[in-house]
Amino acid sequence: MKKKTCSWLDSNIRGGIQILNNKIYPCCGPSKPFYDSEDLDYSALSIEELMEKRRKLQQQINEGTACQNCEQIVEKEEEDINVGPITYLSIGLFSTCNLRCRYCYFTHDELSQKLKPERTHLLPFIKRLTEHGVMKKDFSIGLAGGEPTLFEDLPETLKFISDNYEKPGMVLLSNSSITSKTKKIIDVLKDTNERFDKGLYTSIDAGTRATYKLLRGRDLYREVKNNIINYAKNDTFNRITLKYILMFDHSNTSNKDIFGFLSFFKEVMKYQKGIMAMTIDCDMLSKEPFDDKMIAAAGKLYYVATEIFGIEVAFCGGGLVNSTTVGKERIKLLQEYARNYKTARKPLIERFYLLLLGYSSTLNNINRLFKLYKRTIRLIKILYFQ
């Protein structure tokens, strides 16, 4: 017998719980929150009630009293539905941040809020969820903000997850600008479970110090660059994704910024042993047209990423998301520009930039192959002599 379920409720699909600001949802954001209070306190939460709310919501979906128009609803055989331990925990709990990005949907007053004492520590909550068997042994956690490294016990929380779960995953959506926090994360993650899948997602949006300061409100471009390179050098994350949000006022669409960012990206690639990826986006709050300058900037980013660096480009969230009509149209335009750009006659300065990026990328690939060759020879010697 088939019944309706939701990909966020059903642990055989995704099975997730989402915490956004002061609200805790039994599944995704559009649902009615299980808990909504300005004085959110982890110690006051009933884990039993949270899980019962998830089961109740599953029942209401089939009764036709909840979530009827949600795109996440699917039909499955009843025996294949499991509203039990979750596979994904998303925490974007607070608006507190050390930067003031021009495109942020929080106000400056909201961004100036400080974490309340009961919310500065994440570990007690994760321990309680673990004790109640809420999360599968291969669950993933997404940490966003605000700035999630402002959790005082984030390193200890990541260590706990590594020690208590067989194959956990984590994506840290951080601005990577706080050097002291970066060092702590590097120290704790270098000794974690080798099956711990760790990802970093950082929005850069500039290729110069001046533009970064203009967009972010603070002159921390060098710090961000050094911190991400240190992450890569220390093999901290299995995957590093750098994002570029294009501004409709063209404050970051110049060649100087575009190729400056690509140079930054290339330098991180030099040290990153794991996967490198890029996300191209545009300011989701702006209603202005995606004009020729925006298309050209996005097209150049896409061309270099796919043709020279040979990496994945993702379009998720914001104004260049491939799940909306507008987003699909914009993506099509930038991809068409990239195809034409490949064979177009380019200005001398752009040819120079592309030559440098291509040369560096080739050297990086040769270096990677040489290191792989050395490791293979070492392994063969060990196997042969032992």
Foldseek 3Di string as FASTA:
>chain_A
DKAKDFLQQFQLRAPEWEAAAQFTCLGDDVFDTPGGDNPDFLVPDDPVSSLVVSVVQSVCCRVVNDDVPPPRMDMDDPVNGDRAAGQEYEYAHALAAPWDFPLDPDDPVRNPDDDDPSRLADQVNVVVCVVVRNHALAHEYEAHYNARLSNPCVLVNVQVNQVRGDAYEYEHEHQQQDQVSLVSLLVSQLPGHPNYAYEYEHEQQWLDQVLSCVRTVDRRNVSSLVSLLVCLQSLRHQEYEYEHAQEPVRSHLDPNTLLSVLVSLLSSLLRHPHAYEYEYAYRQVDPDDCDPSNLLSLLVNVLCVCPQLNHYYAYPDGQQHCVDPRNVVSVVSSVVNNVCVVPDDDPPVVVVSSVVSNVSSVVSVVVSVVVVVVVVVVVVVVVVVD
